[in-house]
Amino acid sequence: MGNAYTEHNALWPQKLIALTKRLRGADMARAAGGPGWTVAGLLGHLTFYDQRALVLLAKWKKALRLNRAAHREHHMAQIEKALAGG
């Protein structure tokens, strides 16, 4: 890992997994977070938005790689054009 912040954050998925393994049906149905929310609902939303963030980051990383490749190709074409005298 890189720093204390990332090391601290890396522990939370393990803690959350350990917690959810201990929960039973009654625990999951317990009210939490506000009116209409349950432990299961909160965990479901947490899972959804965590996965959404991972997907968006992966798309951003892929777009960044593609953009860099296109940028590099553009510059190489400009260099080749200059070397050819045009």
Protein backbone atom coordinates (compact mmCIF):
# COMPACT_ATOMS: atom_id res chain seq x y z
CA MET A 1 0.00 0.00 0.00
CA GLY A 2 0.99 3.61 -0.21
CA ASN A 3 0.23 5.58 2.93
CA ALA A 4 -1.59 5.36 6.26
CA TYR A 5 -4.86 6.49 4.65
CA THR A 6 -4.91 3.72 2.04
CA GLU A 7 -3.74 1.15 4.58
CA HIS A 8 -6.57 2.16 6.92
CA ASN A 9 -9.12 1.97 4.10
CA ALA A 10 -7.83 -1.43 2.98
CA LEU A 11 -8.92 -2.92 6.32
CA TRP A 12 -12.60 -1.99 5.97
CA PRO A 13 -13.63 -4.49 3.28
CA GLN A 14 -12.27 -7.31 5.45
CA LYS A 15 -14.10 -5.97 8.51
CA LEU A 16 -17.34 -5.61 6.55
CA ILE A 17 -17.09 -9.16 5.20
CA ALA A 18 -16.46 -10.50 8.72
CA LEU A 19 -19.48 -8.57 10.01
CA THR A 20 -21.85 -9.76 7.29
CA LYS A 21 -20.81 -13.39 7.85
CA ARG A 22 -22.03 -13.08 11.45
CA LEU A 23 -25.40 -11.51 10.56
CA ARG A 24 -28.55 -13.63 10.45
CA GLY A 25 -31.97 -12.94 8.91
CA ALA A 26 -33.27 -11.05 11.94
CA ASP A 27 -30.13 -8.91 11.99
CA MET A 28 -30.52 -8.07 8.30
CA ALA A 29 -34.17 -7.09 8.81
CA ARG A 30 -33.35 -4.75 11.70
CA ALA A 31 -34.14 -1.07 11.17
CA ALA A 32 -31.07 1.04 10.48
CA GLY A 33 -30.10 4.34 8.93
CA GLY A 34 -33.49 6.00 9.08
CA PRO A 35 -37.17 5.42 8.31
CA GLY A 36 -37.70 2.56 5.87
CA TRP A 37 -34.08 1.40 5.92
CA THR A 38 -32.82 -1.98 7.12
CA VAL A 39 -29.36 -3.38 7.61
CA ALA A 40 -29.87 -5.42 4.41
CA GLY A 41 -30.94 -2.30 2.50
CA LEU A 42 -27.92 -0.34 3.68
CA LEU A 43 -25.55 -3.19 2.80
CA GLY A 44 -27.20 -3.54 -0.60
CA HIS A 45 -26.76 0.14 -1.35
CA LEU A 46 -23.19 0.09 -0.09
CA THR A 47 -22.41 -2.88 -2.33
CA PHE A 48 -24.09 -1.31 -5.36
CA TYR A 49 -22.34 2.05 -5.07
CA ASP A 50 -18.98 0.47 -4.26
CA GLN A 51 -19.23 -1.66 -7.40
CA ARG A 52 -20.44 1.35 -9.40
CA ALA A 53 -17.36 3.30 -8.33
CA LEU A 54 -15.10 0.42 -9.39
CA VAL A 55 -16.77 0.18 -12.81
CA LEU A 56 -16.54 3.94 -13.38
CA LEU A 57 -12.88 3.99 -12.34
CA ALA A 58 -12.13 1.09 -14.70
CA LYS A 59 -13.87 2.94 -17.56
CA TRP A 60 -11.96 6.13 -16.74
CA LYS A 61 -8.66 4.24 -16.66
CA LYS A 62 -9.43 2.60 -20.02
CA ALA A 63 -10.42 5.94 -21.57
CA LEU A 64 -7.24 7.50 -20.24
CA ARG A 65 -5.15 4.75 -21.85
CA LEU A 66 -7.01 5.12 -25.15
CA ASN A 67 -6.68 8.90 -25.03
CA ARG A 68 -2.95 8.62 -24.39
CA ALA A 69 -2.59 6.17 -27.28
CA ALA A 70 -4.53 8.48 -29.63
CA HIS A 71 -2.49 11.46 -28.44
CA ARG A 72 0.75 9.55 -29.08
CA GLU A 73 -0.42 8.49 -32.56
CA HIS A 74 -1.32 12.10 -33.40
CA HIS A 75 2.13 13.33 -32.40
CA MET A 76 3.88 10.54 -34.27
CA ALA A 77 1.89 11.43 -37.39
CA GLN A 78 2.90 15.08 -36.98
CA ILE A 79 6.57 14.11 -36.59
CA GLU A 80 6.44 11.82 -39.63
CA LYS A 81 4.76 14.56 -41.65
CA ALA A 82 7.46 17.06 -40.63
CA LEU A 83 10.24 14.61 -41.47
CA ALA A 84 8.69 13.97 -44.89
CA GLY A 85 8.83 17.70 -45.56
CA GLY A 86 5.15 18.37 -45.41
